[in-house]
Amino acid sequence: MSEKLKALVLAYQRIMESYQQLVEDLDARTGELEAQTRVLSRQYELEAVRLASDANEVRTALTALKGALYLLLHRPPTDPETRRTLLARAYENAERVMDSMRLHS
């Protein structure tokens, strides 16, 4: 075999070794990225569930607040104790909304 041919064969072998190393490196990095993607997807799912729960908590408190205020505005009770109870409920539910907002700001 001529020296030129031997040099070409050696160069080709080095290229193939480099190529194989690149493929192995790429496979390893792909595995790492897939693992990170699974972790991030799980974190996203947990955050979405937490957000839905928080939104439900706020909606519930606002609905109760709105109900108490509606009664006070449209059907004002003559009994001072009932008025005080409705105002207290409205205040407590406003506090629930504010507490929820403070926890997530």
Protein backbone atom coordinates (compact mmCIF):
# COMPACT_ATOMS: atom_id res chain seq x y z
CA MET A 1 0.00 0.00 0.00
CA SER A 2 1.36 3.39 -0.91
CA GLU A 3 2.22 6.00 1.71
CA LYS A 4 -0.47 8.33 0.37
CA LEU A 5 -3.11 5.64 0.66
CA LYS A 6 -1.97 4.77 4.19
CA ALA A 7 -2.19 8.44 5.16
CA LEU A 8 -5.70 8.66 3.69
CA VAL A 9 -6.81 5.53 5.56
CA LEU A 10 -5.41 6.91 8.84
CA ALA A 11 -7.09 10.27 8.24
CA TYR A 12 -10.39 8.52 7.50
CA GLN A 13 -10.04 6.44 10.70
CA ARG A 14 -9.43 9.60 12.75
CA ILE A 15 -12.44 11.26 11.16
CA MET A 16 -14.60 8.22 11.96
CA GLU A 17 -13.33 8.14 15.55
CA SER A 18 -14.11 11.84 15.92
CA TYR A 19 -17.53 11.27 14.40
CA GLN A 20 -18.26 8.40 16.79
CA GLN A 21 -17.15 10.51 19.75
CA LEU A 22 -19.41 13.34 18.60
CA VAL A 23 -22.35 10.94 18.30
CA GLU A 24 -21.68 9.58 21.81
CA ASP A 25 -21.42 13.11 23.20
CA LEU A 26 -24.62 14.10 21.44
CA ASP A 27 -26.44 11.03 22.78
CA ALA A 28 -25.26 11.80 26.31
CA ARG A 29 -26.34 15.45 26.05
CA THR A 30 -29.70 14.40 24.60
CA GLY A 31 -30.24 12.13 27.59
CA GLU A 32 -29.39 14.97 29.97
CA LEU A 33 -31.78 17.33 28.18
CA GLU A 34 -34.56 14.75 28.22
CA ALA A 35 -34.09 14.31 31.98
CA GLN A 36 -34.18 18.09 32.49
CA THR A 37 -37.29 18.31 30.33
CA ARG A 38 -39.04 15.71 32.51
CA VAL A 39 -38.12 17.63 35.66
CA LEU A 40 -39.29 20.95 34.20
CA SER A 41 -42.51 19.40 32.93
CA ARG A 42 -43.27 18.03 36.40
CA GLN A 43 -42.52 21.42 37.97
CA TYR A 44 -44.81 23.07 35.44
CA GLU A 45 -47.61 20.61 36.24
CA LEU A 46 -47.23 21.21 39.98
CA GLU A 47 -47.23 24.98 39.47
CA ALA A 48 -50.33 24.77 37.27
CA VAL A 49 -52.15 22.79 39.97
CA ARG A 50 -51.05 25.28 42.65
CA LEU A 51 -52.16 28.20 40.52
CA ALA A 52 -55.55 26.62 39.87
CA SER A 53 -55.97 26.02 43.59
CA ASP A 54 -55.00 29.61 44.41
CA ALA A 55 -57.36 30.96 41.76
CA ASN A 56 -60.18 28.86 43.19
CA GLU A 57 -59.44 30.15 46.69
CA VAL A 58 -59.59 33.75 45.48
CA ARG A 59 -62.79 33.16 43.48
CA THR A 60 -64.44 31.52 46.50
CA ALA A 61 -63.50 34.40 48.80
CA LEU A 62 -64.62 37.02 46.27
CA THR A 63 -67.93 35.24 45.73
CA ALA A 64 -68.58 35.19 49.48
CA LEU A 65 -67.54 38.84 49.75
CA LYS A 66 -69.81 39.78 46.87
CA GLY A 67 -72.72 37.88 48.42
CA ALA A 68 -72.40 39.61 51.78
CA LEU A 69 -72.09 43.03 50.14
CA TYR A 70 -75.06 42.33 47.87
CA LEU A 71 -77.22 41.52 50.88
CA LEU A 72 -76.06 44.65 52.67
CA LEU A 73 -76.77 46.84 49.62
CA HIS A 74 -79.98 45.30 48.27
CA ARG A 75 -81.60 43.73 51.31
CA PRO A 76 -80.23 45.61 54.27
CA PRO A 77 -81.05 43.72 57.44
CA THR A 78 -82.76 45.67 60.16
CA ASP A 79 -81.12 43.59 62.85
CA PRO A 80 -77.77 45.16 63.88
CA GLU A 81 -76.30 41.76 64.71
CA THR A 82 -77.07 40.44 61.21
CA ARG A 83 -75.52 43.57 59.67
CA ARG A 84 -72.44 43.11 61.83
CA THR A 85 -72.20 39.42 60.85
CA LEU A 86 -72.45 40.24 57.14
CA LEU A 87 -69.83 42.98 57.45
CA ALA A 88 -67.55 40.65 59.41
CA ARG A 89 -67.89 37.98 56.70
CA ALA A 90 -67.17 40.53 53.99
CA TYR A 91 -64.11 41.73 55.88
CA GLU A 92 -62.84 38.18 56.51
CA ASN A 93 -63.19 37.27 52.85
CA ALA A 94 -61.45 40.46 51.77
CA GLU A 95 -58.63 39.45 54.12
CA ARG A 96 -58.51 35.97 52.53
CA VAL A 97 -58.04 37.55 49.12
CA MET A 98 -55.35 39.90 50.41
CA ASP A 99 -53.56 37.07 52.24
CA SER A 100 -53.58 35.00 49.08
CA MET A 101 -52.12 37.88 47.10
CA ARG A 102 -49.42 38.52 49.71
CA LEU A 103 -48.34 34.87 49.63
CA HIS A 104 -47.76 34.98 45.90
CA SER A 105 -46.26 38.37 45.29
